[in-house]
Amino acid sequence: MSEFVYLYRGGSRSDSPAEGEKQMQRWVAWLQELGAKGHLKDQGQPLEPEGRVVRDKGRTITDGPYPESKDIVGGFTLVEAKDLGQAAELAGGCPIFEVGGLVEVRPIMKM
């Protein structure tokens, strides 16, 4: 088994508390399913939208990432799978697709 990170990009969070709770329940159910099948290594966490971008060995620090950017990472999860194909297939059940987001699946390099 190899390790992979799911990077959650885009999507929208509901302003409605009731809909937000439904979205959270879908995430919990999906993560529990991954865990029950032995694929969940670390459920990860959502990320706050604010941050800083550091460049040029720390000489340039700017606000960011920006919510209008398509590259903003909203959270992550660490999974185990036999290969990249299986990891991508497992990501297909992610609730982020229901709100217009995507999952970037990246292998973790063994050092």
PDB file of N, CA and C in Angstrom:
ATOM      1  N   MET A   1       0.841  -1.184   0.000  1.00  0.00           N
ATOM      2  CA  MET A   1       0.000   0.000   0.000  1.00  0.00           C
ATOM      3  C   MET A   1       0.884   1.244   0.000  1.00  0.00           C
ATOM      4  N   SER A   2       0.444   2.230  -0.731  1.00  0.00           N
ATOM      5  CA  SER A   2       1.139   3.511  -0.798  1.00  0.00           C
ATOM      6  C   SER A   2       0.240   4.590  -0.205  1.00  0.00           C
ATOM      7  N   GLU A   3       0.853   5.721   0.138  1.00  0.00           N
ATOM      8  CA  GLU A   3       0.089   6.829   0.703  1.00  0.00           C
ATOM      9  C   GLU A   3      -0.149   7.904  -0.354  1.00  0.00           C
ATOM     10  N   PHE A   4      -1.349   8.520  -0.245  1.00  0.00           N
ATOM     11  CA  PHE A   4      -1.752   9.578  -1.165  1.00  0.00           C
ATOM     12  C   PHE A   4      -2.421  10.682  -0.358  1.00  0.00           C
ATOM     13  N   VAL A   5      -2.307  11.894  -0.856  1.00  0.00           N
ATOM     14  CA  VAL A   5      -3.015  13.006  -0.228  1.00  0.00           C
ATOM     15  C   VAL A   5      -4.121  13.467  -1.168  1.00  0.00           C
ATOM     16  N   TYR A   6      -5.286  13.700  -0.594  1.00  0.00           N
ATOM     17  CA  TYR A   6      -6.374  14.324  -1.321  1.00  0.00           C
ATOM     18  C   TYR A   6      -6.345  15.806  -0.958  1.00  0.00           C
ATOM     19  N   LEU A   7      -6.231  16.643  -1.958  1.00  0.00           N
ATOM     20  CA  LEU A   7      -6.296  18.095  -1.772  1.00  0.00           C
ATOM     21  C   LEU A   7      -7.645  18.547  -2.317  1.00  0.00           C
ATOM     22  N   TYR A   8      -8.438  19.149  -1.457  1.00  0.00           N
ATOM     23  CA  TYR A   8      -9.776  19.573  -1.849  1.00  0.00           C
ATOM     24  C   TYR A   8      -9.719  21.008  -2.340  1.00  0.00           C
ATOM     25  N   ARG A   9     -10.167  21.212  -3.568  1.00  0.00           N
ATOM     26  CA  ARG A   9     -10.123  22.537  -4.194  1.00  0.00           C
ATOM     27  C   ARG A   9     -11.514  22.970  -4.623  1.00  0.00           C
ATOM     28  N   GLY A  10     -11.786  24.249  -4.428  1.00  0.00           N
ATOM     29  CA  GLY A  10     -13.047  24.821  -4.892  1.00  0.00           C
ATOM     30  C   GLY A  10     -14.232  24.341  -4.089  1.00  0.00           C
ATOM     31  N   GLY A  11     -15.390  24.416  -4.711  1.00  0.00           N
ATOM     32  CA  GLY A  11     -16.616  24.064  -4.017  1.00  0.00           C
ATOM     33  C   GLY A  11     -17.132  25.247  -3.225  1.00  0.00           C
ATOM     34  N   SER A  12     -18.300  25.106  -2.701  1.00  0.00           N
ATOM     35  CA  SER A  12     -18.885  26.194  -1.924  1.00  0.00           C
ATOM     36  C   SER A  12     -19.413  25.649  -0.610  1.00  0.00           C
ATOM     37  N   ARG A  13     -19.349  26.488   0.391  1.00  0.00           N
ATOM     38  CA  ARG A  13     -19.919  26.136   1.691  1.00  0.00           C
ATOM     39  C   ARG A  13     -21.265  26.824   1.802  1.00  0.00           C
ATOM     40  N   SER A  14     -22.219  26.125   2.340  1.00  0.00           N
ATOM     41  CA  SER A  14     -23.576  26.660   2.447  1.00  0.00           C
ATOM     42  C   SER A  14     -23.656  27.739   3.524  1.00  0.00           C
ATOM     43  N   ASP A  15     -24.473  28.747   3.258  1.00  0.00           N
ATOM     44  CA  ASP A  15     -24.756  29.779   4.255  1.00  0.00           C
ATOM     45  C   ASP A  15     -25.847  29.310   5.219  1.00  0.00           C
ATOM     46  N   SER A  16     -26.610  28.313   4.803  1.00  0.00           N
ATOM     47  CA  SER A  16     -27.687  27.778   5.619  1.00  0.00           C
ATOM     48  C   SER A  16     -27.133  26.784   6.633  1.00  0.00           C
ATOM     49  N   PRO A  17     -27.373  26.990   7.924  1.00  0.00           N
ATOM     50  CA  PRO A  17     -26.891  26.028   8.927  1.00  0.00           C
ATOM     51  C   PRO A  17     -27.417  24.614   8.679  1.00  0.00           C
ATOM     52  N   ALA A  18     -28.671  24.488   8.262  1.00  0.00           N
ATOM     53  CA  ALA A  18     -29.243  23.162   8.019  1.00  0.00           C
ATOM     54  C   ALA A  18     -28.533  22.468   6.855  1.00  0.00           C
ATOM     55  N   GLU A  19     -28.313  23.203   5.769  1.00  0.00           N
ATOM     56  CA  GLU A  19     -27.611  22.610   4.617  1.00  0.00           C
ATOM     57  C   GLU A  19     -26.155  22.330   4.962  1.00  0.00           C
ATOM     58  N   GLY A  20     -25.537  23.221   5.739  1.00  0.00           N
ATOM     59  CA  GLY A  20     -24.158  22.995   6.179  1.00  0.00           C
ATOM     60  C   GLY A  20     -24.036  21.717   6.992  1.00  0.00           C
ATOM     61  N   GLU A  21     -25.018  21.451   7.836  1.00  0.00           N
ATOM     62  CA  GLU A  21     -25.025  20.219   8.637  1.00  0.00           C
ATOM     63  C   GLU A  21     -25.173  18.990   7.741  1.00  0.00           C
ATOM     64  N   LYS A  22     -26.022  19.092   6.715  1.00  0.00           N
ATOM     65  CA  LYS A  22     -26.179  17.976   5.774  1.00  0.00           C
ATOM     66  C   LYS A  22     -24.870  17.711   5.035  1.00  0.00           C
ATOM     67  N   GLN A  23     -24.198  18.788   4.613  1.00  0.00           N
ATOM     68  CA  GLN A  23     -22.908  18.623   3.934  1.00  0.00           C
ATOM     69  C   GLN A  23     -21.909  17.934   4.864  1.00  0.00           C
ATOM     70  N   MET A  24     -21.863  18.363   6.123  1.00  0.00           N
ATOM     71  CA  MET A  24     -20.932  17.777   7.078  1.00  0.00           C
ATOM     72  C   MET A  24     -21.236  16.297   7.290  1.00  0.00           C
ATOM     73  N   GLN A  25     -22.508  15.941   7.366  1.00  0.00           N
ATOM     74  CA  GLN A  25     -22.883  14.539   7.538  1.00  0.00           C
ATOM     75  C   GLN A  25     -22.429  13.693   6.357  1.00  0.00           C
ATOM     76  N   ARG A  26     -22.498  14.252   5.138  1.00  0.00           N
ATOM     77  CA  ARG A  26     -22.032  13.513   3.953  1.00  0.00           C
ATOM     78  C   ARG A  26     -20.521  13.287   4.024  1.00  0.00           C
ATOM     79  N   TRP A  27     -19.779  14.307   4.488  1.00  0.00           N
ATOM     80  CA  TRP A  27     -18.329  14.165   4.639  1.00  0.00           C
ATOM     81  C   TRP A  27     -17.991  13.103   5.685  1.00  0.00           C
ATOM     82  N   VAL A  28     -18.667  13.157   6.828  1.00  0.00           N
ATOM     83  CA  VAL A  28     -18.409  12.187   7.902  1.00  0.00           C
ATOM     84  C   VAL A  28     -18.682  10.767   7.410  1.00  0.00           C
ATOM     85  N   ALA A  29     -19.800  10.576   6.712  1.00  0.00           N
ATOM     86  CA  ALA A  29     -20.149   9.245   6.200  1.00  0.00           C
ATOM     87  C   ALA A  29     -19.106   8.747   5.202  1.00  0.00           C
ATOM     88  N   TRP A  30     -18.663   9.619   4.309  1.00  0.00           N
ATOM     89  CA  TRP A  30     -17.663   9.219   3.306  1.00  0.00           C
ATOM     90  C   TRP A  30     -16.336   8.858   3.971  1.00  0.00           C
ATOM     91  N   LEU A  31     -15.902   9.669   4.920  1.00  0.00           N
ATOM     92  CA  LEU A  31     -14.646   9.380   5.617  1.00  0.00           C
ATOM     93  C   LEU A  31     -14.752   8.096   6.443  1.00  0.00           C
ATOM     94  N   GLN A  32     -15.898   7.855   7.055  1.00  0.00           N
ATOM     95  CA  GLN A  32     -16.100   6.609   7.806  1.00  0.00           C
ATOM     96  C   GLN A  32     -16.034   5.404   6.874  1.00  0.00           C
ATOM     97  N   GLU A  33     -16.587   5.553   5.681  1.00  0.00           N
ATOM     98  CA  GLU A  33     -16.544   4.463   4.706  1.00  0.00           C
ATOM     99  C   GLU A  33     -15.103   4.160   4.287  1.00  0.00           C
ATOM    100  N   LEU A  34     -14.326   5.215   4.026  1.00  0.00           N
ATOM    101  CA  LEU A  34     -12.912   5.008   3.701  1.00  0.00           C
ATOM    102  C   LEU A  34     -12.192   4.297   4.845  1.00  0.00           C
ATOM    103  N   GLY A  35     -12.490   4.706   6.071  1.00  0.00           N
ATOM    104  CA  GLY A  35     -11.865   4.090   7.241  1.00  0.00           C
ATOM    105  C   GLY A  35     -12.260   2.630   7.396  1.00  0.00           C
ATOM    106  N   ALA A  36     -13.529   2.325   7.203  1.00  0.00           N
ATOM    107  CA  ALA A  36     -14.017   0.951   7.341  1.00  0.00           C
ATOM    108  C   ALA A  36     -13.364   0.026   6.328  1.00  0.00           C
ATOM    109  N   LYS A  37     -13.004   0.567   5.167  1.00  0.00           N
ATOM    110  CA  LYS A  37     -12.356  -0.235   4.123  1.00  0.00           C
ATOM    111  C   LYS A  37     -10.837  -0.257   4.274  1.00  0.00           C
ATOM    112  N   GLY A  38     -10.309   0.410   5.318  1.00  0.00           N
ATOM    113  CA  GLY A  38      -8.871   0.383   5.585  1.00  0.00           C
ATOM    114  C   GLY A  38      -8.051   1.360   4.765  1.00  0.00           C
ATOM    115  N   HIS A  39      -8.684   2.374   4.185  1.00  0.00           N
ATOM    116  CA  HIS A  39      -7.954   3.316   3.338  1.00  0.00           C
ATOM    117  C   HIS A  39      -7.638   4.643   4.018  1.00  0.00           C
ATOM    118  N   LEU A  40      -8.288   4.953   5.113  1.00  0.00           N
ATOM    119  CA  LEU A  40      -8.109   6.251   5.755  1.00  0.00           C
ATOM    120  C   LEU A  40      -6.903   6.226   6.687  1.00  0.00           C
ATOM    121  N   LYS A  41      -5.907   7.027   6.377  1.00  0.00           N
ATOM    122  CA  LYS A  41      -4.697   7.137   7.191  1.00  0.00           C
ATOM    123  C   LYS A  41      -4.841   8.298   8.177  1.00  0.00           C
ATOM    124  N   ASP A  42      -5.346   9.438   7.695  1.00  0.00           N
ATOM    125  CA  ASP A  42      -5.588  10.622   8.524  1.00  0.00           C
ATOM    126  C   ASP A  42      -6.699  11.408   7.839  1.00  0.00           C
ATOM    127  N   GLN A  43      -7.796  11.636   8.543  1.00  0.00           N
ATOM    128  CA  GLN A  43      -8.920  12.321   7.901  1.00  0.00           C
ATOM    129  C   GLN A  43      -8.589  13.749   7.525  1.00  0.00           C
ATOM    130  N   GLY A  44      -7.510  14.310   8.056  1.00  0.00           N
ATOM    131  CA  GLY A  44      -7.108  15.663   7.701  1.00  0.00           C
ATOM    132  C   GLY A  44      -8.011  16.698   8.336  1.00  0.00           C
ATOM    133  N   GLN A  45      -7.977  17.902   7.788  1.00  0.00           N
ATOM    134  CA  GLN A  45      -8.738  19.021   8.335  1.00  0.00           C
ATOM    135  C   GLN A  45      -9.084  19.992   7.220  1.00  0.00           C
ATOM    136  N   PRO A  46     -10.169  20.734   7.392  1.00  0.00           N
ATOM    137  CA  PRO A  46     -10.398  21.856   6.486  1.00  0.00           C
ATOM    138  C   PRO A  46      -9.411  22.968   6.820  1.00  0.00           C
ATOM    139  N   LEU A  47      -9.136  23.813   5.860  1.00  0.00           N
ATOM    140  CA  LEU A  47      -8.198  24.911   6.052  1.00  0.00           C
ATOM    141  C   LEU A  47      -8.938  26.236   6.059  1.00  0.00           C
ATOM    142  N   GLU A  48      -8.478  27.161   6.881  1.00  0.00           N
ATOM    143  CA  GLU A  48      -9.041  28.507   6.902  1.00  0.00           C
ATOM    144  C   GLU A  48      -8.712  29.191   5.575  1.00  0.00           C
ATOM    145  N   PRO A  49      -9.563  30.108   5.117  1.00  0.00           N
ATOM    146  CA  PRO A  49      -9.312  30.754   3.827  1.00  0.00           C
ATOM    147  C   PRO A  49      -8.153  31.748   3.839  1.00  0.00           C
ATOM    148  N   GLU A  50      -7.834  32.311   4.988  1.00  0.00           N
ATOM    149  CA  GLU A  50      -6.746  33.300   5.000  1.00  0.00           C
ATOM    150  C   GLU A  50      -5.399  32.617   5.164  1.00  0.00           C
ATOM    151  N   GLY A  51      -4.362  33.284   4.725  1.00  0.00           N
ATOM    152  CA  GLY A  51      -3.011  32.753   4.838  1.00  0.00           C
ATOM    153  C   GLY A  51      -2.008  33.740   4.279  1.00  0.00           C
ATOM    154  N   ARG A  52      -0.798  33.308   4.104  1.00  0.00           N
ATOM    155  CA  ARG A  52       0.271  34.115   3.526  1.00  0.00           C
ATOM    156  C   ARG A  52       0.982  33.293   2.461  1.00  0.00           C
ATOM    157  N   VAL A  53       1.481  33.981   1.468  1.00  0.00           N
ATOM    158  CA  VAL A  53       2.289  33.354   0.422  1.00  0.00           C
ATOM    159  C   VAL A  53       3.709  33.878   0.611  1.00  0.00           C
ATOM    160  N   VAL A  54       4.657  32.964   0.775  1.00  0.00           N
ATOM    161  CA  VAL A  54       6.055  33.331   1.019  1.00  0.00           C
ATOM    162  C   VAL A  54       6.875  32.971  -0.213  1.00  0.00           C
ATOM    163  N   ARG A  55       7.644  33.955  -0.703  1.00  0.00           N
ATOM    164  CA  ARG A  55       8.483  33.747  -1.890  1.00  0.00           C
ATOM    165  C   ARG A  55       9.884  34.279  -1.612  1.00  0.00           C
ATOM    166  N   ASP A  56      10.779  33.935  -2.493  1.00  0.00           N
ATOM    167  CA  ASP A  56      12.116  34.518  -2.508  1.00  0.00           C
ATOM    168  C   ASP A  56      12.810  34.402  -1.144  1.00  0.00           C
ATOM    169  N   LYS A  57      12.841  33.147  -0.633  1.00  0.00           N
ATOM    170  CA  LYS A  57      13.515  32.849   0.637  1.00  0.00           C
ATOM    171  C   LYS A  57      13.010  33.704   1.790  1.00  0.00           C
ATOM    172  N   GLY A  58      11.732  34.035   1.746  1.00  0.00           N
ATOM    173  CA  GLY A  58      11.119  34.791   2.827  1.00  0.00           C
ATOM    174  C   GLY A  58      11.209  36.294   2.696  1.00  0.00           C
ATOM    175  N   ARG A  59      11.843  36.770   1.632  1.00  0.00           N
ATOM    176  CA  ARG A  59      11.966  38.224   1.455  1.00  0.00           C
ATOM    177  C   ARG A  59      10.658  38.856   0.983  1.00  0.00           C
ATOM    178  N   THR A  60       9.792  38.052   0.369  1.00  0.00           N
ATOM    179  CA  THR A  60       8.513  38.568  -0.119  1.00  0.00           C
ATOM    180  C   THR A  60       7.400  37.753   0.531  1.00  0.00           C
ATOM    181  N   ILE A  61       6.576  38.430   1.322  1.00  0.00           N
ATOM    182  CA  ILE A  61       5.440  37.787   1.974  1.00  0.00           C
ATOM    183  C   ILE A  61       4.207  38.614   1.644  1.00  0.00           C
ATOM    184  N   THR A  62       3.207  37.958   1.039  1.00  0.00           N
ATOM    185  CA  THR A  62       1.987  38.658   0.654  1.00  0.00           C
ATOM    186  C   THR A  62       0.777  37.936   1.238  1.00  0.00           C
ATOM    187  N   ASP A  63      -0.342  38.653   1.286  1.00  0.00           N
ATOM    188  CA  ASP A  63      -1.584  38.015   1.698  1.00  0.00           C
ATOM    189  C   ASP A  63      -1.971  36.993   0.643  1.00  0.00           C
ATOM    190  N   GLY A  64      -2.656  35.984   1.060  1.00  0.00           N
ATOM    191  CA  GLY A  64      -3.120  34.967   0.132  1.00  0.00           C
ATOM    192  C   GLY A  64      -3.272  33.666   0.875  1.00  0.00           C
ATOM    193  N   PRO A  65      -3.722  32.617   0.271  1.00  0.00           N
ATOM    194  CA  PRO A  65      -4.272  32.570  -1.073  1.00  0.00           C
ATOM    195  C   PRO A  65      -5.595  33.323  -1.140  1.00  0.00           C
ATOM    196  N   TYR A  66      -6.040  33.618  -2.329  1.00  0.00           N
ATOM    197  CA  TYR A  66      -7.249  34.400  -2.499  1.00  0.00           C
ATOM    198  C   TYR A  66      -8.414  33.506  -2.881  1.00  0.00           C
ATOM    199  N   PRO A  67      -9.580  33.709  -2.257  1.00  0.00           N
ATOM    200  CA  PRO A  67     -10.728  32.839  -2.524  1.00  0.00           C
ATOM    201  C   PRO A  67     -11.144  32.780  -3.992  1.00  0.00           C
ATOM    202  N   GLU A  68     -10.910  33.853  -4.748  1.00  0.00           N
ATOM    203  CA  GLU A  68     -11.295  33.825  -6.161  1.00  0.00           C
ATOM    204  C   GLU A  68     -10.337  32.980  -7.005  1.00  0.00           C
ATOM    205  N   SER A  69      -9.213  32.591  -6.420  1.00  0.00           N
ATOM    206  CA  SER A  69      -8.254  31.748  -7.127  1.00  0.00           C
ATOM    207  C   SER A  69      -8.780  30.325  -7.223  1.00  0.00           C
ATOM    208  N   LYS A  70      -8.634  29.712  -8.373  1.00  0.00           N
ATOM    209  CA  LYS A  70      -9.044  28.323  -8.533  1.00  0.00           C
ATOM    210  C   LYS A  70      -8.068  27.375  -7.856  1.00  0.00           C
ATOM    211  N   ASP A  71      -6.927  27.884  -7.409  1.00  0.00           N
ATOM    212  CA  ASP A  71      -5.917  27.036  -6.796  1.00  0.00           C
ATOM    213  C   ASP A  71      -6.038  26.922  -5.287  1.00  0.00           C
ATOM    214  N   ILE A  72      -7.028  27.566  -4.686  1.00  0.00           N
ATOM    215  CA  ILE A  72      -7.125  27.534  -3.237  1.00  0.00           C
ATOM    216  C   ILE A  72      -7.420  26.109  -2.754  1.00  0.00           C
ATOM    217  N   VAL A  73      -6.668  25.667  -1.772  1.00  0.00           N
ATOM    218  CA  VAL A  73      -6.852  24.352  -1.173  1.00  0.00           C
ATOM    219  C   VAL A  73      -7.711  24.538   0.069  1.00  0.00           C
ATOM    220  N   GLY A  74      -8.846  23.850   0.107  1.00  0.00           N
ATOM    221  CA  GLY A  74      -9.768  23.998   1.219  1.00  0.00           C
ATOM    222  C   GLY A  74      -9.571  22.991   2.331  1.00  0.00           C
ATOM    223  N   GLY A  75      -8.769  21.954   2.074  1.00  0.00           N
ATOM    224  CA  GLY A  75      -8.525  20.929   3.079  1.00  0.00           C
ATOM    225  C   GLY A  75      -7.764  19.769   2.477  1.00  0.00           C
ATOM    226  N   PHE A  76      -7.531  18.750   3.298  1.00  0.00           N
ATOM    227  CA  PHE A  76      -6.752  17.602   2.851  1.00  0.00           C
ATOM    228  C   PHE A  76      -7.156  16.353   3.628  1.00  0.00           C
ATOM    229  N   THR A  77      -6.846  15.193   3.058  1.00  0.00           N
ATOM    230  CA  THR A  77      -7.011  13.897   3.707  1.00  0.00           C
ATOM    231  C   THR A  77      -5.864  13.010   3.245  1.00  0.00           C
ATOM    232  N   LEU A  78      -5.380  12.165   4.126  1.00  0.00           N
ATOM    233  CA  LEU A  78      -4.313  11.223   3.801  1.00  0.00           C
ATOM    234  C   LEU A  78      -4.921   9.828   3.717  1.00  0.00           C
ATOM    235  N   VAL A  79      -4.722   9.143   2.586  1.00  0.00           N
ATOM    236  CA  VAL A  79      -5.277   7.804   2.390  1.00  0.00           C
ATOM    237  C   VAL A  79      -4.187   6.826   1.987  1.00  0.00           C
ATOM    238  N   GLU A  80      -4.527   5.545   2.103  1.00  0.00           N
ATOM    239  CA  GLU A  80      -3.666   4.470   1.614  1.00  0.00           C
ATOM    240  C   GLU A  80      -4.418   3.734   0.512  1.00  0.00           C
ATOM    241  N   ALA A  81      -3.696   3.398  -0.543  1.00  0.00           N
ATOM    242  CA  ALA A  81      -4.284   2.660  -1.656  1.00  0.00           C
ATOM    243  C   ALA A  81      -3.176   1.867  -2.327  1.00  0.00           C
ATOM    244  N   LYS A  82      -3.554   0.891  -3.154  1.00  0.00           N
ATOM    245  CA  LYS A  82      -2.534   0.067  -3.807  1.00  0.00           C
ATOM    246  C   LYS A  82      -1.769   0.842  -4.871  1.00  0.00           C
ATOM    247  N   ASP A  83      -2.453   1.820  -5.514  1.00  0.00           N
ATOM    248  CA  ASP A  83      -1.781   2.618  -6.542  1.00  0.00           C
ATOM    249  C   ASP A  83      -2.586   3.902  -6.786  1.00  0.00           C
ATOM    250  N   LEU A  84      -2.066   4.751  -7.654  1.00  0.00           N
ATOM    251  CA  LEU A  84      -2.714   6.022  -7.950  1.00  0.00           C
ATOM    252  C   LEU A  84      -4.111   5.821  -8.535  1.00  0.00           C
ATOM    253  N   GLY A  85      -4.272   4.813  -9.355  1.00  0.00           N
ATOM    254  CA  GLY A  85      -5.581   4.530  -9.935  1.00  0.00           C
ATOM    255  C   GLY A  85      -6.631   4.228  -8.882  1.00  0.00           C
ATOM    256  N   GLN A  86      -6.281   3.394  -7.911  1.00  0.00           N
ATOM    257  CA  GLN A  86      -7.229   3.071  -6.857  1.00  0.00           C
ATOM    258  C   GLN A  86      -7.506   4.297  -5.989  1.00  0.00           C
ATOM    259  N   ALA A  87      -6.471   5.081  -5.694  1.00  0.00           N
ATOM    260  CA  ALA A  87      -6.662   6.294  -4.889  1.00  0.00           C
ATOM    261  C   ALA A  87      -7.621   7.252  -5.589  1.00  0.00           C
ATOM    262  N   ALA A  88      -7.479   7.409  -6.903  1.00  0.00           N
ATOM    263  CA  ALA A  88      -8.367   8.282  -7.662  1.00  0.00           C
ATOM    264  C   ALA A  88      -9.796   7.734  -7.668  1.00  0.00           C
ATOM    265  N   GLU A  89      -9.927   6.430  -7.798  1.00  0.00           N
ATOM    266  CA  GLU A  89     -11.247   5.805  -7.793  1.00  0.00           C
ATOM    267  C   GLU A  89     -11.941   6.021  -6.438  1.00  0.00           C
ATOM    268  N   LEU A  90     -11.205   5.878  -5.352  1.00  0.00           N
ATOM    269  CA  LEU A  90     -11.761   6.088  -4.009  1.00  0.00           C
ATOM    270  C   LEU A  90     -12.216   7.535  -3.811  1.00  0.00           C
ATOM    271  N   ALA A  91     -11.529   8.476  -4.448  1.00  0.00           N
ATOM    272  CA  ALA A  91     -11.888   9.893  -4.330  1.00  0.00           C
ATOM    273  C   ALA A  91     -13.222  10.197  -5.012  1.00  0.00           C
ATOM    274  N   GLY A  92     -13.670   9.310  -5.880  1.00  0.00           N
ATOM    275  CA  GLY A  92     -14.907   9.534  -6.624  1.00  0.00           C
ATOM    276  C   GLY A  92     -16.148   9.681  -5.772  1.00  0.00           C
ATOM    277  N   GLY A  93     -16.112   9.213  -4.537  1.00  0.00           N
ATOM    278  CA  GLY A  93     -17.263   9.334  -3.653  1.00  0.00           C
ATOM    279  C   GLY A  93     -17.265  10.585  -2.799  1.00  0.00           C
ATOM    280  N   CYS A  94     -16.296  11.464  -3.006  1.00  0.00           N
ATOM    281  CA  CYS A  94     -16.151  12.654  -2.171  1.00  0.00           C
ATOM    282  C   CYS A  94     -17.340  13.606  -2.328  1.00  0.00           C
ATOM    283  N   PRO A  95     -17.880  14.097  -1.210  1.00  0.00           N
ATOM    284  CA  PRO A  95     -19.016  15.031  -1.271  1.00  0.00           C
ATOM    285  C   PRO A  95     -18.703  16.385  -1.896  1.00  0.00           C
ATOM    286  N   ILE A  96     -17.437  16.723  -2.092  1.00  0.00           N
ATOM    287  CA  ILE A  96     -17.105  18.035  -2.658  1.00  0.00           C
ATOM    288  C   ILE A  96     -17.645  18.192  -4.076  1.00  0.00           C
ATOM    289  N   PHE A  97     -17.848  17.080  -4.775  1.00  0.00           N
ATOM    290  CA  PHE A  97     -18.361  17.152  -6.143  1.00  0.00           C
ATOM    291  C   PHE A  97     -19.785  17.700  -6.179  1.00  0.00           C
ATOM    292  N   GLU A  98     -20.533  17.516  -5.088  1.00  0.00           N
ATOM    293  CA  GLU A  98     -21.911  17.988  -5.009  1.00  0.00           C
ATOM    294  C   GLU A  98     -21.994  19.516  -4.907  1.00  0.00           C
ATOM    295  N   VAL A  99     -20.862  20.162  -4.577  1.00  0.00           N
ATOM    296  CA  VAL A  99     -20.854  21.621  -4.407  1.00  0.00           C
ATOM    297  C   VAL A  99     -19.871  22.293  -5.365  1.00  0.00           C
ATOM    298  N   GLY A 100     -19.542  21.601  -6.474  1.00  0.00           N
ATOM    299  CA  GLY A 100     -18.732  22.202  -7.525  1.00  0.00           C
ATOM    300  C   GLY A 100     -17.234  22.171  -7.304  1.00  0.00           C
ATOM    301  N   GLY A 101     -16.759  21.371  -6.361  1.00  0.00           N
ATOM    302  CA  GLY A 101     -15.317  21.298  -6.103  1.00  0.00           C
ATOM    303  C   GLY A 101     -14.675  20.118  -6.796  1.00  0.00           C
ATOM    304  N   LEU A 102     -13.387  19.944  -6.534  1.00  0.00           N
ATOM    305  CA  LEU A 102     -12.647  18.822  -7.100  1.00  0.00           C
ATOM    306  C   LEU A 102     -11.648  18.288  -6.079  1.00  0.00           C
ATOM    307  N   VAL A 103     -11.171  17.072  -6.347  1.00  0.00           N
ATOM    308  CA  VAL A 103     -10.169  16.434  -5.499  1.00  0.00           C
ATOM    309  C   VAL A 103      -8.918  16.212  -6.339  1.00  0.00           C
ATOM    310  N   GLU A 104      -7.815  16.781  -5.893  1.00  0.00           N
ATOM    311  CA  GLU A 104      -6.522  16.503  -6.513  1.00  0.00           C
ATOM    312  C   GLU A 104      -5.896  15.352  -5.733  1.00  0.00           C
ATOM    313  N   VAL A 105      -5.523  14.283  -6.423  1.00  0.00           N
ATOM    314  CA  VAL A 105      -4.944  13.103  -5.787  1.00  0.00           C
ATOM    315  C   VAL A 105      -3.460  13.094  -6.092  1.00  0.00           C
ATOM    316  N   ARG A 106      -2.626  13.131  -5.039  1.00  0.00           N
ATOM    317  CA  ARG A 106      -1.184  13.172  -5.231  1.00  0.00           C
ATOM    318  C   ARG A 106      -0.500  12.078  -4.424  1.00  0.00           C
ATOM    319  N   PRO A 107       0.398  11.311  -5.066  1.00  0.00           N
ATOM    320  CA  PRO A 107       1.172  10.323  -4.315  1.00  0.00           C
ATOM    321  C   PRO A 107       2.151  11.031  -3.376  1.00  0.00           C
ATOM    322  N   ILE A 108       2.362  10.442  -2.215  1.00  0.00           N
ATOM    323  CA  ILE A 108       3.341  10.970  -1.283  1.00  0.00           C
ATOM    324  C   ILE A 108       4.669  10.274  -1.573  1.00  0.00           C
ATOM    325  N   MET A 109       5.683  11.064  -1.845  1.00  0.00           N
ATOM    326  CA  MET A 109       6.987  10.538  -2.203  1.00  0.00           C
ATOM    327  C   MET A 109       7.654   9.885  -0.984  1.00  0.00           C
ATOM    328  N   LYS A 110       8.155   8.699  -1.166  1.00  0.00           N
ATOM    329  CA  LYS A 110       8.878   8.016  -0.091  1.00  0.00           C
ATOM    330  C   LYS A 110      10.300   8.541  -0.076  1.00  0.00           C
ATOM    331  N   MET A 111      10.746   8.944   1.077  1.00  0.00           N
ATOM    332  CA  MET A 111      12.101   9.498   1.221  1.00  0.00           C
ATOM    333  C   MET A 111      12.998   8.466   1.872  1.00  0.00           C
TER     334      MET A 111
END
